[in-house]
């Protein structure tokens, strides 16, 4: 095995730094993903809580379309953050609990009451925003299976 020269080692280190920066930038899609869901959650909760029957239909339809579109987009990302599954479970698990509690309480105790629905809509987005704004663990990225299978 040949020992690299000082210049070769410096070039290899520079290439590694460049690759790391590129991977980190490519992996930032997950933050956008979470923030889009957070904003949509606020809108959908407001539609469901304050929009009457048509608001429920529009909100539910909007949510279904968003989930489909964002799932399609996420599946095409080539870089995935290590810890992505854990972050997703925390973000969407927290969101689901707050969303469910909001709908349950709102429908039975605070029907069409903006004093409940407006702050509650914002609260549903908190887990998604917190995970999106957190460091999401060490900046240690890996290529997803889709990126390493048959791409040349």
Protein backbone atom coordinates (compact mmCIF):
# COMPACT_ATOMS: atom_id res chain seq x y z
CA UNK A 1 0.00 0.00 0.00
CA UNK A 2 1.37 3.36 -1.01
CA UNK A 3 1.53 6.08 1.61
CA UNK A 4 -0.05 9.31 0.31
CA UNK A 5 2.07 12.40 0.10
CA UNK A 6 1.21 15.48 2.12
CA UNK A 7 -0.41 17.12 -0.91
CA UNK A 8 -2.48 14.01 -1.66
CA UNK A 9 -3.64 13.83 1.95
CA UNK A 10 -4.62 17.51 1.91
CA UNK A 11 -6.55 17.01 -1.33
CA UNK A 12 -8.36 13.96 0.10
CA UNK A 13 -9.31 15.91 3.24
CA UNK A 14 -10.57 18.85 1.18
CA UNK A 15 -12.62 16.47 -0.97
CA UNK A 16 -14.09 14.87 2.17
CA UNK A 17 -15.04 18.30 3.57
CA UNK A 18 -16.68 19.27 0.28
CA UNK A 19 -18.62 15.99 0.17
CA UNK A 20 -19.79 16.46 3.78
CA UNK A 21 -21.02 20.00 3.10
CA UNK A 22 -22.89 18.79 0.01
CA UNK A 23 -24.52 15.93 1.93
CA UNK A 24 -25.54 18.18 4.81
CA UNK A 25 -27.12 20.67 2.39
CA UNK A 26 -28.93 17.88 0.55
CA UNK A 27 -30.26 16.49 3.83
CA UNK A 28 -31.88 19.72 4.98
CA UNK A 29 -35.06 18.76 3.12
CA UNK A 30 -36.33 17.08 6.30
CA UNK A 31 -36.60 20.41 8.09
CA UNK A 32 -38.64 21.84 5.22
CA UNK A 33 -40.80 18.72 5.28
CA UNK A 34 -41.61 19.18 8.98
CA UNK A 35 -42.24 22.93 8.67
CA UNK A 36 -44.64 22.42 5.74
CA UNK A 37 -46.59 19.90 7.83
CA UNK A 38 -46.58 22.31 10.79
CA UNK A 39 -48.03 25.17 8.72
CA UNK A 40 -50.57 22.86 7.11
CA UNK A 41 -51.61 21.54 10.52
CA UNK A 42 -52.49 25.04 11.69
CA UNK A 43 -54.54 25.68 8.56
CA UNK A 44 -56.33 22.33 8.64
CA UNK A 45 -57.22 22.59 12.34
CA UNK A 46 -58.64 26.07 11.76
CA UNK A 47 -60.68 24.84 8.79
CA UNK A 48 -62.01 21.86 10.73
CA UNK A 49 -62.74 23.82 13.88
CA UNK A 50 -64.13 27.04 12.49
CA UNK A 51 -65.26 26.24 8.95
CA UNK A 52 -68.36 24.19 9.67
CA UNK A 53 -69.13 21.18 7.52
CA UNK A 54 -67.51 22.64 4.40
CA UNK A 55 -64.39 23.49 6.43
CA UNK A 56 -64.16 19.89 7.60
CA UNK A 57 -64.43 18.61 4.04
CA UNK A 58 -61.93 21.13 2.67
CA UNK A 59 -59.52 20.60 5.58
CA UNK A 60 -59.61 16.83 5.34
CA UNK A 61 -59.21 16.89 1.56
CA UNK A 62 -56.33 19.35 1.83
CA UNK A 63 -54.62 17.16 4.43
CA UNK A 64 -54.97 14.00 2.32
CA UNK A 65 -53.51 15.78 -0.72
CA UNK A 66 -50.66 17.22 1.34
CA UNK A 67 -49.75 13.86 2.87
CA UNK A 68 -49.72 12.25 -0.58
CA UNK A 69 -47.62 15.02 -2.13
CA UNK A 70 -45.16 15.24 0.76
CA UNK A 71 -44.78 11.45 0.92
CA UNK A 72 -44.00 11.40 -2.81
CA UNK A 73 -41.48 14.22 -2.38
CA UNK A 74 -39.82 12.64 0.69
CA UNK A 75 -39.44 9.29 -1.08
CA UNK A 76 -37.39 10.99 -3.79
CA UNK A 77 -34.85 12.59 -1.48
CA UNK A 78 -31.42 11.06 -1.89
CA UNK A 79 -29.94 11.93 1.48
CA UNK A 80 -31.46 10.91 4.79
CA UNK A 81 -30.40 12.13 8.21
CA UNK A 82 -29.18 9.50 10.64
CA UNK A 83 -31.91 9.40 13.27
CA UNK A 84 -34.59 10.34 10.72
CA UNK A 85 -36.97 7.64 11.97
CA UNK A 86 -36.56 8.69 15.60
CA UNK A 87 -37.12 12.34 14.72
CA UNK A 88 -40.19 11.45 12.65
CA UNK A 89 -41.65 9.40 15.50
CA UNK A 90 -41.14 12.23 18.00
CA UNK A 91 -42.45 14.94 15.65
CA UNK A 92 -45.47 13.12 14.25
CA UNK A 93 -46.21 11.21 17.46
CA UNK A 94 -46.38 14.48 19.39
CA UNK A 95 -48.38 16.09 16.61
CA UNK A 96 -50.84 13.19 16.52
CA UNK A 97 -51.49 13.33 20.25
CA UNK A 98 -52.07 17.09 20.20
CA UNK A 99 -54.12 16.95 17.00
CA UNK A 100 -56.33 14.18 18.34
CA UNK A 101 -56.83 15.94 21.68
CA UNK A 102 -57.62 19.21 19.88
CA UNK A 103 -60.26 17.64 17.66
CA UNK A 104 -61.79 15.67 20.51
CA UNK A 105 -61.99 18.60 22.93
CA UNK A 106 -62.92 21.10 20.25
CA UNK A 107 -65.76 19.10 18.77
CA UNK A 108 -67.37 18.30 22.11
CA UNK A 109 -66.58 21.30 24.30
CA UNK A 110 -65.61 24.24 22.09
CA UNK A 111 -67.62 23.97 18.88
CA UNK A 112 -66.95 26.98 16.62
CA UNK A 113 -65.15 28.86 19.44
CA UNK A 114 -62.18 30.81 18.02
CA UNK A 115 -60.82 31.35 21.54
CA UNK A 116 -60.13 27.60 21.61
CA UNK A 117 -59.44 26.73 17.97
CA UNK A 118 -56.89 29.45 17.13
CA UNK A 119 -54.44 28.71 19.97
CA UNK A 120 -55.10 24.97 19.68
CA UNK A 121 -54.24 25.07 15.97
CA UNK A 122 -50.90 26.69 16.79
CA UNK A 123 -50.23 24.19 19.59
CA UNK A 124 -50.65 21.23 17.20
CA UNK A 125 -47.69 22.50 15.18
CA UNK A 126 -45.31 22.75 18.15
CA UNK A 127 -43.82 19.21 18.02
CA UNK A 128 -43.14 19.52 14.28
CA UNK A 129 -41.52 22.95 14.67
CA UNK A 130 -39.43 21.90 17.68
CA UNK A 131 -38.00 18.89 15.88
CA UNK A 132 -37.42 20.93 12.70
CA UNK A 133 -35.58 23.62 14.69
CA UNK A 134 -33.57 21.19 16.83
CA UNK A 135 -30.06 20.16 15.85
CA UNK A 136 -31.56 16.73 14.97
CA UNK A 137 -28.58 14.98 16.51
CA UNK A 138 -25.05 15.11 15.20
CA UNK A 139 -24.63 16.26 11.64
CA UNK A 140 -23.87 12.81 10.40
CA UNK A 141 -25.54 12.07 7.10
CA UNK A 142 -25.71 8.90 5.05
CA UNK A 143 -26.95 8.10 1.61
CA UNK A 144 -30.34 6.44 1.46
CA UNK A 145 -30.77 2.98 -0.05
CA UNK A 146 -32.39 4.54 -3.11
CA UNK A 147 -29.29 6.61 -3.80
CA UNK A 148 -26.87 3.68 -3.59
CA UNK A 149 -28.68 0.87 -5.39
CA UNK A 150 -28.33 1.27 -9.14
CA UNK A 151 -27.28 4.86 -9.72
CA UNK A 152 -24.07 5.09 -11.78
